[in-house]
């Protein structure tokens, strides 16, 4: 019979209560910043209207949206950027497919092609295209190797700008989450 102090996990010397303490400490750390980001998400969400929005793209897009918000709230800025980019790609390509706005889209459509087709159909504006390309340019060096001499490399951006990586990523995540909210608030996706 196990007692309160017995361990059920052979790989850890921490009890469940130790983990609870760590989780509560983690929740408490940067709480004012988390509250501020939660307010920002709430304010941004108001753009989508009282009836909400339609997220085309199935489970991948839906979970990208849910996890992007959670990542942003908890300060996981790289994850926010990556998820927002994925959400934008799924959302726009699935809109083209589901809306039958094109005869046929490729099974693996390139994001640049999706942007072009959406722009031609006035789903998004020229500014949206520029912003979405910028987000793609932020995501790519986080997903793919870039030499430190490459201007898109995060370390190079930090050196060139004199701004810490944390602050650059925070700004990039704010841009990314704000951008996907503005896309979700467009008439093509807004309900009601």
N, C-alpha and C. Protein backbone atom coordinates (compact mmCIF):
# COMPACT_ATOMS: atom_id res chain seq x y z
N UNK A 1 0.85 -1.18 0.00
CA UNK A 1 0.00 0.00 0.00
C UNK A 1 0.89 1.24 0.00
N UNK A 2 0.57 2.17 -0.87
CA UNK A 2 1.36 3.39 -0.97
C UNK A 2 0.85 4.42 0.03
N UNK A 3 1.78 5.16 0.60
CA UNK A 3 1.40 6.23 1.52
C UNK A 3 1.60 7.56 0.80
N UNK A 4 1.23 8.65 1.47
CA UNK A 4 1.29 9.98 0.88
C UNK A 4 2.68 10.35 0.37
N UNK A 5 3.71 9.92 1.04
CA UNK A 5 5.07 10.28 0.67
C UNK A 5 5.69 9.38 -0.38
N UNK A 6 5.03 8.27 -0.73
CA UNK A 6 5.59 7.34 -1.71
C UNK A 6 5.61 7.94 -3.10
N UNK A 7 6.62 7.58 -3.86
CA UNK A 7 6.78 8.04 -5.23
C UNK A 7 6.19 7.01 -6.18
N UNK A 8 5.48 7.47 -7.20
CA UNK A 8 4.97 6.56 -8.22
C UNK A 8 5.81 6.64 -9.49
N UNK A 9 6.68 7.61 -9.59
CA UNK A 9 7.51 7.80 -10.76
C UNK A 9 8.96 7.49 -10.40
N UNK A 10 9.51 6.47 -11.02
CA UNK A 10 10.87 6.06 -10.70
C UNK A 10 11.93 7.02 -11.24
N UNK A 11 11.56 7.87 -12.18
CA UNK A 11 12.53 8.75 -12.82
C UNK A 11 12.63 10.11 -12.15
N UNK A 12 11.84 10.38 -11.17
CA UNK A 12 11.86 11.69 -10.53
C UNK A 12 11.86 11.53 -9.02
N UNK A 13 12.61 12.41 -8.38
CA UNK A 13 12.60 12.37 -6.92
C UNK A 13 11.67 13.44 -6.36
N UNK A 14 10.85 14.04 -7.22
CA UNK A 14 9.89 15.06 -6.78
C UNK A 14 8.52 14.42 -6.55
N UNK A 15 7.88 14.84 -5.49
CA UNK A 15 6.53 14.36 -5.21
C UNK A 15 5.53 15.18 -6.03
N UNK A 16 4.30 14.75 -6.04
CA UNK A 16 3.25 15.51 -6.73
C UNK A 16 3.14 16.92 -6.16
N UNK A 17 3.26 17.04 -4.85
CA UNK A 17 3.18 18.38 -4.23
C UNK A 17 4.36 19.25 -4.64
N UNK A 18 5.53 18.65 -4.82
CA UNK A 18 6.67 19.42 -5.32
C UNK A 18 6.36 19.97 -6.72
N UNK A 19 5.76 19.13 -7.55
CA UNK A 19 5.39 19.59 -8.89
C UNK A 19 4.34 20.69 -8.83
N UNK A 20 3.39 20.57 -7.93
CA UNK A 20 2.37 21.61 -7.75
C UNK A 20 3.04 22.92 -7.38
N UNK A 21 4.00 22.88 -6.48
CA UNK A 21 4.72 24.09 -6.08
C UNK A 21 5.44 24.72 -7.27
N UNK A 22 6.08 23.88 -8.07
CA UNK A 22 6.78 24.39 -9.26
C UNK A 22 5.80 25.00 -10.26
N UNK A 23 4.67 24.33 -10.45
CA UNK A 23 3.67 24.86 -11.38
C UNK A 23 3.09 26.18 -10.89
N UNK A 24 2.82 26.28 -9.60
CA UNK A 24 2.30 27.54 -9.05
C UNK A 24 3.33 28.65 -9.14
N UNK A 25 4.59 28.32 -8.90
CA UNK A 25 5.64 29.33 -9.04
C UNK A 25 5.75 29.79 -10.49
N UNK A 26 5.63 28.86 -11.42
CA UNK A 26 5.70 29.21 -12.84
C UNK A 26 4.51 30.08 -13.24
N UNK A 27 3.34 29.75 -12.71
CA UNK A 27 2.16 30.56 -12.99
C UNK A 27 2.33 31.97 -12.43
N UNK A 28 2.92 32.06 -11.26
CA UNK A 28 3.09 33.35 -10.60
C UNK A 28 4.15 34.21 -11.30
N UNK A 29 5.21 33.58 -11.82
CA UNK A 29 6.28 34.34 -12.49
C UNK A 29 5.69 35.13 -13.65
N UNK A 30 6.04 36.39 -13.71
CA UNK A 30 5.60 37.28 -14.78
C UNK A 30 4.08 37.39 -14.89
N UNK A 31 3.39 37.22 -13.78
CA UNK A 31 1.93 37.30 -13.81
C UNK A 31 1.43 38.62 -14.37
N UNK A 32 2.00 39.77 -13.99
CA UNK A 32 1.51 41.03 -14.59
C UNK A 32 1.66 41.06 -16.12
N UNK A 33 2.76 40.49 -16.63
CA UNK A 33 2.95 40.44 -18.08
C UNK A 33 1.93 39.51 -18.72
N UNK A 34 1.62 38.40 -18.07
CA UNK A 34 0.61 37.47 -18.60
C UNK A 34 -0.76 38.13 -18.61
N UNK A 35 -1.07 38.87 -17.56
CA UNK A 35 -2.35 39.59 -17.51
C UNK A 35 -2.41 40.61 -18.64
N UNK A 36 -1.32 41.33 -18.86
CA UNK A 36 -1.27 42.31 -19.94
C UNK A 36 -1.48 41.64 -21.30
N UNK A 37 -0.84 40.51 -21.52
CA UNK A 37 -1.03 39.80 -22.80
C UNK A 37 -2.46 39.26 -22.92
N UNK A 38 -3.05 38.83 -21.79
CA UNK A 38 -4.43 38.36 -21.83
C UNK A 38 -5.38 39.50 -22.20
N UNK A 39 -5.13 40.69 -21.64
CA UNK A 39 -5.93 41.87 -22.01
C UNK A 39 -5.78 42.16 -23.50
N UNK A 40 -4.55 42.06 -24.00
CA UNK A 40 -4.31 42.32 -25.41
C UNK A 40 -5.09 41.33 -26.28
N UNK A 41 -5.06 40.06 -25.92
CA UNK A 41 -5.82 39.05 -26.66
C UNK A 41 -7.31 39.34 -26.63
N UNK A 42 -7.81 39.74 -25.47
CA UNK A 42 -9.23 40.05 -25.33
C UNK A 42 -9.59 41.25 -26.20
N UNK A 43 -8.76 42.30 -26.16
CA UNK A 43 -9.02 43.47 -26.99
C UNK A 43 -8.95 43.13 -28.47
N UNK A 44 -7.96 42.35 -28.86
CA UNK A 44 -7.86 41.95 -30.27
C UNK A 44 -9.07 41.13 -30.69
N UNK A 45 -9.51 40.24 -29.81
CA UNK A 45 -10.65 39.38 -30.12
C UNK A 45 -11.92 40.15 -30.40
N UNK A 46 -12.01 41.36 -29.85
CA UNK A 46 -13.18 42.19 -30.11
C UNK A 46 -13.34 42.55 -31.58
N UNK A 47 -12.26 42.52 -32.34
CA UNK A 47 -12.32 42.81 -33.77
C UNK A 47 -13.14 41.77 -34.53
N UNK A 48 -13.22 40.57 -33.95
CA UNK A 48 -13.88 39.49 -34.66
C UNK A 48 -15.40 39.55 -34.55
N UNK A 49 -15.90 40.49 -33.80
CA UNK A 49 -17.34 40.68 -33.70
C UNK A 49 -18.00 39.78 -32.68
N UNK A 50 -19.23 40.11 -32.33
CA UNK A 50 -19.92 39.37 -31.27
C UNK A 50 -20.26 37.92 -31.63
N UNK A 51 -20.35 37.63 -32.92
CA UNK A 51 -20.69 36.26 -33.33
C UNK A 51 -19.47 35.41 -33.61
N UNK A 52 -18.30 35.99 -33.55
CA UNK A 52 -17.07 35.23 -33.74
C UNK A 52 -16.66 35.11 -35.19
N UNK A 53 -15.93 34.06 -35.47
CA UNK A 53 -15.33 33.89 -36.78
C UNK A 53 -15.36 32.43 -37.19
N UNK A 54 -15.27 32.20 -38.47
CA UNK A 54 -15.21 30.84 -39.02
C UNK A 54 -13.74 30.52 -39.30
N UNK A 55 -13.24 29.47 -38.69
CA UNK A 55 -11.85 29.09 -38.91
C UNK A 55 -11.84 27.94 -39.91
N UNK A 56 -11.54 28.28 -41.17
CA UNK A 56 -11.39 27.27 -42.19
C UNK A 56 -10.06 26.56 -41.94
N UNK A 57 -10.00 25.29 -42.25
CA UNK A 57 -8.75 24.56 -42.13
C UNK A 57 -8.80 23.39 -41.19
N UNK A 58 -9.97 23.08 -40.67
CA UNK A 58 -10.13 21.89 -39.85
C UNK A 58 -9.37 21.95 -38.53
N UNK A 59 -9.06 20.77 -38.04
CA UNK A 59 -8.41 20.66 -36.73
C UNK A 59 -7.05 21.34 -36.69
N UNK A 60 -6.29 21.25 -37.77
CA UNK A 60 -4.95 21.87 -37.77
C UNK A 60 -5.06 23.37 -37.54
N UNK A 61 -5.97 24.03 -38.24
CA UNK A 61 -6.12 25.48 -38.09
C UNK A 61 -6.71 25.82 -36.72
N UNK A 62 -7.72 25.07 -36.31
CA UNK A 62 -8.34 25.35 -35.02
C UNK A 62 -7.34 25.23 -33.87
N UNK A 63 -6.58 24.14 -33.87
CA UNK A 63 -5.61 23.94 -32.78
C UNK A 63 -4.45 24.93 -32.88
N UNK A 64 -4.08 25.30 -34.09
CA UNK A 64 -3.05 26.34 -34.23
C UNK A 64 -3.53 27.63 -33.58
N UNK A 65 -4.80 27.98 -33.76
CA UNK A 65 -5.37 29.19 -33.16
C UNK A 65 -5.38 29.10 -31.64
N UNK A 66 -5.89 28.00 -31.12
CA UNK A 66 -5.97 27.81 -29.66
C UNK A 66 -4.57 27.82 -29.05
N UNK A 67 -3.65 27.11 -29.66
CA UNK A 67 -2.29 27.02 -29.11
C UNK A 67 -1.50 28.31 -29.31
N UNK A 68 -1.76 29.04 -30.38
CA UNK A 68 -1.09 30.34 -30.57
C UNK A 68 -1.50 31.31 -29.46
N UNK A 69 -2.78 31.34 -29.14
CA UNK A 69 -3.25 32.21 -28.06
C UNK A 69 -2.62 31.82 -26.73
N UNK A 70 -2.62 30.53 -26.45
CA UNK A 70 -2.05 30.05 -25.19
C UNK A 70 -0.55 30.33 -25.13
N UNK A 71 0.14 30.08 -26.23
CA UNK A 71 1.58 30.33 -26.27
C UNK A 71 1.87 31.81 -26.06
N UNK A 72 1.10 32.66 -26.70
CA UNK A 72 1.30 34.10 -26.54
C UNK A 72 1.07 34.50 -25.09
N UNK A 73 0.00 34.02 -24.51
CA UNK A 73 -0.33 34.35 -23.13
C UNK A 73 0.82 33.97 -22.18
N UNK A 74 1.41 32.82 -22.39
CA UNK A 74 2.45 32.32 -21.49
C UNK A 74 3.86 32.76 -21.89
N UNK A 75 3.96 33.60 -22.91
CA UNK A 75 5.26 34.14 -23.28
C UNK A 75 6.11 33.21 -24.12
N UNK A 76 5.49 32.25 -24.75
CA UNK A 76 6.20 31.35 -25.67
C UNK A 76 6.14 31.96 -27.07
N UNK A 77 7.00 32.94 -27.29
CA UNK A 77 6.88 33.78 -28.48
C UNK A 77 7.29 33.09 -29.76
N UNK A 78 8.31 32.23 -29.73
CA UNK A 78 8.68 31.49 -30.93
C UNK A 78 7.51 30.61 -31.36
N UNK A 79 6.92 29.91 -30.41
CA UNK A 79 5.76 29.05 -30.73
C UNK A 79 4.62 29.88 -31.29
N UNK A 80 4.39 31.07 -30.74
CA UNK A 80 3.32 31.94 -31.24
C UNK A 80 3.54 32.26 -32.71
N UNK A 81 4.75 32.64 -33.05
CA UNK A 81 5.07 33.01 -34.44
C UNK A 81 4.87 31.81 -35.36
N UNK A 82 5.40 30.67 -34.97
CA UNK A 82 5.28 29.47 -35.80
C UNK A 82 3.82 29.06 -35.99
N UNK A 83 3.06 29.10 -34.92
CA UNK A 83 1.66 28.70 -34.99
C UNK A 83 0.82 29.69 -35.80
N UNK A 84 1.10 30.96 -35.65
CA UNK A 84 0.34 31.97 -36.42
C UNK A 84 0.59 31.82 -37.91
N UNK A 85 1.83 31.56 -38.28
CA UNK A 85 2.15 31.33 -39.69
C UNK A 85 1.40 30.12 -40.22
N UNK A 86 1.43 29.02 -39.47
CA UNK A 86 0.70 27.82 -39.88
C UNK A 86 -0.79 28.07 -39.98
N UNK A 87 -1.33 28.80 -39.02
CA UNK A 87 -2.75 29.12 -39.05
C UNK A 87 -3.10 29.92 -40.29
N UNK A 88 -2.32 30.92 -40.61
CA UNK A 88 -2.59 31.76 -41.78
C UNK A 88 -2.57 30.91 -43.05
N UNK A 89 -1.60 30.03 -43.16
CA UNK A 89 -1.51 29.18 -44.36
C UNK A 89 -2.74 28.28 -44.49
N UNK A 90 -3.10 27.61 -43.40
CA UNK A 90 -4.27 26.72 -43.44
C UNK A 90 -5.55 27.50 -43.68
N UNK A 91 -5.73 28.56 -42.96
CA UNK A 91 -6.95 29.35 -43.05
C UNK A 91 -7.21 29.84 -44.47
N UNK A 92 -6.22 30.46 -45.08
CA UNK A 92 -6.41 31.05 -46.40
C UNK A 92 -6.54 29.99 -47.49
N UNK A 93 -5.70 28.96 -47.46
CA UNK A 93 -5.78 27.91 -48.49
C UNK A 93 -7.10 27.14 -48.38
N UNK A 94 -7.52 26.83 -47.16
CA UNK A 94 -8.78 26.12 -46.99
C UNK A 94 -9.97 27.00 -47.38
N UNK A 95 -9.86 28.29 -47.17
CA UNK A 95 -10.93 29.18 -47.61
C UNK A 95 -11.07 29.12 -49.13
N UNK A 96 -9.95 29.16 -49.83
CA UNK A 96 -10.00 29.05 -51.29
C UNK A 96 -10.63 27.73 -51.71
N UNK A 97 -10.24 26.67 -51.05
CA UNK A 97 -10.74 25.34 -51.38
C UNK A 97 -12.23 25.20 -51.03
N UNK A 98 -12.59 25.57 -49.83
CA UNK A 98 -13.97 25.40 -49.36
C UNK A 98 -14.92 26.37 -50.04
N UNK A 99 -14.43 27.56 -50.34
CA UNK A 99 -15.28 28.56 -50.96
C UNK A 99 -15.45 28.38 -52.45
N UNK A 100 -14.77 27.36 -52.99
CA UNK A 100 -14.83 27.10 -54.42
C UNK A 100 -14.55 28.37 -55.23
N UNK A 101 -13.64 29.17 -54.70
CA UNK A 101 -13.28 30.41 -55.37
C UNK A 101 -12.28 30.19 -56.49
N UNK A 102 -11.72 29.02 -56.56
CA UNK A 102 -10.80 28.68 -57.63
C UNK A 102 -11.21 27.33 -58.18
N UNK A 103 -10.86 27.10 -59.43
CA UNK A 103 -11.23 25.83 -60.03
C UNK A 103 -10.60 24.66 -59.28
N UNK A 104 -9.31 24.75 -59.08
CA UNK A 104 -8.61 23.70 -58.35
C UNK A 104 -7.33 24.30 -57.79
N UNK A 105 -7.07 24.00 -56.54
CA UNK A 105 -5.79 24.42 -55.98
C UNK A 105 -4.92 23.19 -55.84
N UNK A 106 -3.60 23.35 -55.94
CA UNK A 106 -2.71 22.20 -55.80
C UNK A 106 -2.87 21.54 -54.43
N UNK A 107 -2.59 20.25 -54.38
CA UNK A 107 -2.68 19.51 -53.12
C UNK A 107 -1.72 20.08 -52.08
N UNK A 108 -0.60 20.63 -52.51
CA UNK A 108 0.39 21.25 -51.62
C UNK A 108 0.70 22.64 -52.16
N UNK A 109 -0.20 23.54 -51.93
CA UNK A 109 -0.06 24.89 -52.47
C UNK A 109 0.99 25.67 -51.68
N UNK A 110 1.80 26.41 -52.38
CA UNK A 110 2.79 27.28 -51.76
C UNK A 110 2.07 28.49 -51.16
N UNK A 111 2.58 28.99 -50.03
CA UNK A 111 1.94 30.11 -49.36
C UNK A 111 1.91 31.34 -50.26
N UNK A 112 2.96 31.57 -51.02
CA UNK A 112 2.99 32.73 -51.94
C UNK A 112 1.86 32.64 -52.96
N UNK A 113 1.57 31.43 -53.43
CA UNK A 113 0.48 31.23 -54.38
C UNK A 113 -0.87 31.45 -53.70
N UNK A 114 -1.00 30.98 -52.47
CA UNK A 114 -2.23 31.22 -51.71
C UNK A 114 -2.46 32.72 -51.53
N UNK A 115 -1.41 33.44 -51.17
CA UNK A 115 -1.53 34.89 -50.99
C UNK A 115 -1.96 35.57 -52.29
N UNK A 116 -1.34 35.17 -53.39
CA UNK A 116 -1.67 35.76 -54.68
C UNK A 116 -3.15 35.52 -55.02
N UNK A 117 -3.59 34.30 -54.86
CA UNK A 117 -4.98 33.96 -55.19
C UNK A 117 -5.98 34.68 -54.28
N UNK A 118 -5.65 34.76 -52.99
CA UNK A 118 -6.54 35.46 -52.06
C UNK A 118 -6.59 36.96 -52.38
N UNK A 119 -5.47 37.52 -52.74
CA UNK A 119 -5.43 38.94 -53.08
C UNK A 119 -6.22 39.21 -54.36
N UNK A 120 -6.08 38.34 -55.36
CA UNK A 120 -6.82 38.50 -56.62
C UNK A 120 -8.33 38.48 -56.38
N UNK A 121 -8.75 37.80 -55.34
CA UNK A 121 -10.19 37.68 -55.05
C UNK A 121 -10.64 38.63 -53.94
N UNK A 122 -9.75 39.57 -53.58
CA UNK A 122 -10.04 40.59 -52.56
C UNK A 122 -10.41 40.02 -51.20
N UNK A 123 -9.90 38.84 -50.90
CA UNK A 123 -10.08 38.27 -49.57
C UNK A 123 -9.18 39.03 -48.59
N UNK A 124 -7.99 39.39 -49.07
CA UNK A 124 -7.03 40.14 -48.27
C UNK A 124 -6.53 41.34 -49.08
N UNK A 125 -5.99 42.32 -48.40
CA UNK A 125 -5.52 43.54 -49.05
C UNK A 125 -4.02 43.43 -49.39
N UNK A 126 -3.53 44.42 -50.12
CA UNK A 126 -2.09 44.49 -50.40
C UNK A 126 -1.30 44.57 -49.10
N UNK A 127 -1.81 45.35 -48.14
CA UNK A 127 -1.11 45.47 -46.85
C UNK A 127 -1.09 44.14 -46.12
N UNK A 128 -2.19 43.39 -46.19
CA UNK A 128 -2.23 42.05 -45.57
C UNK A 128 -1.18 41.15 -46.20
N UNK A 129 -1.06 41.20 -47.51
CA UNK A 129 -0.06 40.38 -48.21
C UNK A 129 1.33 40.73 -47.71
N UNK A 130 1.62 42.03 -47.63
CA UNK A 130 2.94 42.47 -47.14
C UNK A 130 3.16 42.01 -45.71
N UNK A 131 2.15 42.14 -44.86
CA UNK A 131 2.28 41.74 -43.46
C UNK A 131 2.44 40.22 -43.32
N UNK A 132 1.69 39.47 -44.12
CA UNK A 132 1.80 38.00 -44.07
C UNK A 132 3.16 37.54 -44.58
N UNK A 133 3.69 38.22 -45.58
CA UNK A 133 5.05 37.88 -46.04
C UNK A 133 6.07 38.21 -44.96
N UNK A 134 5.85 39.30 -44.27
CA UNK A 134 6.76 39.66 -43.18
C UNK A 134 6.72 38.60 -42.08
N UNK A 135 5.51 38.13 -41.75
CA UNK A 135 5.41 37.07 -40.74
C UNK A 135 6.11 35.81 -41.22
N UNK A 136 5.97 35.49 -42.50
CA UNK A 136 6.65 34.33 -43.07
C UNK A 136 8.17 34.52 -42.96
N UNK A 137 8.63 35.74 -43.19
CA UNK A 137 10.07 36.03 -43.08
C UNK A 137 10.55 35.94 -41.63
N UNK A 138 9.66 36.17 -40.67
CA UNK A 138 10.02 36.00 -39.26
C UNK A 138 10.06 34.53 -38.87
N UNK A 139 9.13 33.76 -39.44
CA UNK A 139 9.03 32.34 -39.10
C UNK A 139 10.14 31.51 -39.72
N UNK A 140 10.49 31.78 -40.97
CA UNK A 140 11.44 30.92 -41.67
C UNK A 140 12.78 30.76 -40.94
N UNK A 141 13.42 31.83 -40.46
CA UNK A 141 14.69 31.62 -39.78
C UNK A 141 14.55 30.96 -38.41
N UNK A 142 13.34 30.89 -37.89
CA UNK A 142 13.11 30.15 -36.65
C UNK A 142 12.93 28.66 -36.94
N UNK A 143 12.49 28.34 -38.16
CA UNK A 143 12.26 26.95 -38.55
C UNK A 143 13.43 26.34 -39.30
N UNK A 144 14.19 27.17 -39.99
CA UNK A 144 15.25 26.68 -40.85
C UNK A 144 16.57 27.37 -40.50
N UNK A 145 17.67 26.64 -40.64
CA UNK A 145 18.98 27.17 -40.33
C UNK A 145 19.28 28.41 -41.16
N UNK A 146 19.79 29.41 -40.50
CA UNK A 146 20.32 30.61 -41.15
C UNK A 146 21.66 30.90 -40.49
N UNK A 147 22.70 31.09 -41.30
CA UNK A 147 24.02 31.44 -40.78
C UNK A 147 23.92 32.77 -40.05
N UNK A 148 24.75 32.99 -39.07
CA UNK A 148 24.71 34.22 -38.28
C UNK A 148 24.93 35.46 -39.15
N UNK A 149 25.54 35.30 -40.31
CA UNK A 149 25.72 36.44 -41.22
C UNK A 149 24.46 36.78 -41.99
N UNK A 150 23.47 35.89 -41.96
CA UNK A 150 22.20 36.15 -42.64
C UNK A 150 21.42 37.18 -41.83
N UNK A 151 20.94 38.20 -42.48
CA UNK A 151 20.25 39.30 -41.78
C UNK A 151 18.97 38.85 -41.07
N UNK A 152 18.42 37.69 -41.45
CA UNK A 152 17.19 37.22 -40.80
C UNK A 152 17.47 36.34 -39.58
N UNK A 153 18.72 35.96 -39.38
CA UNK A 153 19.09 35.16 -38.22
C UNK A 153 18.79 35.96 -36.95
N UNK A 154 18.18 35.34 -35.96
CA UNK A 154 17.77 36.04 -34.75
C UNK A 154 18.97 36.68 -34.03
N UNK A 155 20.06 35.97 -33.94
CA UNK A 155 21.25 36.55 -33.30
C UNK A 155 21.75 37.77 -34.08
N UNK A 156 21.74 37.69 -35.40
CA UNK A 156 22.16 38.82 -36.23
C UNK A 156 21.21 40.00 -36.04
N UNK A 157 19.92 39.73 -36.01
CA UNK A 157 18.94 40.81 -35.79
C UNK A 157 19.17 41.48 -34.44
N UNK A 158 19.51 40.66 -33.43
CA UNK A 158 19.79 41.19 -32.10
C UNK A 158 21.01 42.10 -32.14
N UNK A 159 22.06 41.64 -32.78
CA UNK A 159 23.29 42.44 -32.88
C UNK A 159 23.03 43.72 -33.65
N UNK A 160 22.38 43.60 -34.80
CA UNK A 160 22.16 44.76 -35.67
C UNK A 160 21.23 45.80 -35.05
N UNK A 161 20.24 45.35 -34.30
CA UNK A 161 19.25 46.27 -33.74
C UNK A 161 19.62 46.78 -32.35
N UNK A 162 20.47 46.03 -31.64
CA UNK A 162 20.79 46.39 -30.27
C UNK A 162 19.65 46.09 -29.31
N UNK A 163 18.69 45.29 -29.77
CA UNK A 163 17.53 44.90 -28.96
C UNK A 163 17.70 43.43 -28.59
N UNK A 164 17.36 43.08 -27.36
CA UNK A 164 17.51 41.70 -26.91
C UNK A 164 16.63 40.75 -27.73
N UNK A 165 17.06 39.50 -27.80
CA UNK A 165 16.28 38.49 -28.52
C UNK A 165 14.88 38.37 -27.92
N UNK A 166 14.78 38.43 -26.58
CA UNK A 166 13.47 38.34 -25.93
C UNK A 166 12.54 39.44 -26.41
N UNK A 167 13.06 40.65 -26.49
CA UNK A 167 12.22 41.77 -26.94
C UNK A 167 11.88 41.69 -28.42
N UNK A 168 12.82 41.24 -29.24
CA UNK A 168 12.52 41.06 -30.66
C UNK A 168 11.44 40.01 -30.85
N UNK A 169 11.57 38.89 -30.15
CA UNK A 169 10.57 37.82 -30.27
C UNK A 169 9.21 38.27 -29.75
N UNK A 170 9.20 39.05 -28.66
CA UNK A 170 7.94 39.58 -28.14
C UNK A 170 7.26 40.45 -29.20
N UNK A 171 8.02 41.34 -29.81
CA UNK A 171 7.46 42.22 -30.85
C UNK A 171 6.97 41.40 -32.05
N UNK A 172 7.76 40.41 -32.45
CA UNK A 172 7.37 39.57 -33.58
C UNK A 172 6.10 38.77 -33.27
N UNK A 173 5.98 38.30 -32.03
CA UNK A 173 4.78 37.55 -31.64
C UNK A 173 3.55 38.46 -31.60
N UNK A 174 3.73 39.68 -31.12
CA UNK A 174 2.61 40.64 -31.11
C UNK A 174 2.15 40.91 -32.54
N UNK A 175 3.10 41.12 -33.44
CA UNK A 175 2.76 41.33 -34.84
C UNK A 175 2.01 40.12 -35.39
N UNK A 176 2.51 38.93 -35.10
CA UNK A 176 1.92 37.70 -35.65
C UNK A 176 0.51 37.45 -35.13
N UNK A 177 0.32 37.55 -33.82
CA UNK A 177 -1.02 37.28 -33.27
C UNK A 177 -2.00 38.36 -33.71
N UNK A 178 -1.54 39.60 -33.76
CA UNK A 178 -2.40 40.69 -34.23
C UNK A 178 -2.79 40.51 -35.68
N UNK A 179 -1.85 40.04 -36.48
CA UNK A 179 -2.12 39.83 -37.90
C UNK A 179 -3.15 38.74 -38.13
N UNK A 180 -3.01 37.61 -37.46
CA UNK A 180 -4.00 36.54 -37.68
C UNK A 180 -5.37 36.95 -37.16
N UNK A 181 -5.42 37.73 -36.10
CA UNK A 181 -6.72 38.22 -35.64
C UNK A 181 -7.33 39.15 -36.69
N UNK A 182 -6.53 40.01 -37.28
CA UNK A 182 -7.08 40.92 -38.30
C UNK A 182 -7.56 40.14 -39.52
N UNK A 183 -6.89 39.04 -39.85
CA UNK A 183 -7.35 38.19 -40.97
C UNK A 183 -8.66 37.50 -40.57
N UNK A 184 -8.72 36.95 -39.36
CA UNK A 184 -9.93 36.29 -38.91
C UNK A 184 -11.12 37.25 -38.81
N UNK A 185 -10.84 38.54 -38.64
CA UNK A 185 -11.91 39.55 -38.53
C UNK A 185 -12.41 40.02 -39.89
N UNK A 186 -11.80 39.57 -40.96
CA UNK A 186 -12.21 40.00 -42.31
C UNK A 186 -13.59 39.43 -42.63
N UNK A 187 -14.32 40.11 -43.52
CA UNK A 187 -15.66 39.64 -43.88
C UNK A 187 -15.72 38.20 -44.33
N UNK A 188 -14.68 37.71 -44.97
CA UNK A 188 -14.70 36.32 -45.46
C UNK A 188 -14.80 35.32 -44.31
N UNK A 189 -14.35 35.70 -43.12
CA UNK A 189 -14.29 34.76 -42.00
C UNK A 189 -15.22 35.13 -40.85
N UNK A 190 -15.62 36.36 -40.81
CA UNK A 190 -16.44 36.86 -39.70
C UNK A 190 -17.87 36.32 -39.81
N UNK A 191 -18.39 35.87 -38.70
CA UNK A 191 -19.78 35.37 -38.67
C UNK A 191 -20.70 36.50 -38.25
N UNK A 192 -21.84 36.55 -38.85
CA UNK A 192 -22.85 37.54 -38.44
C UNK A 192 -22.63 38.93 -38.94
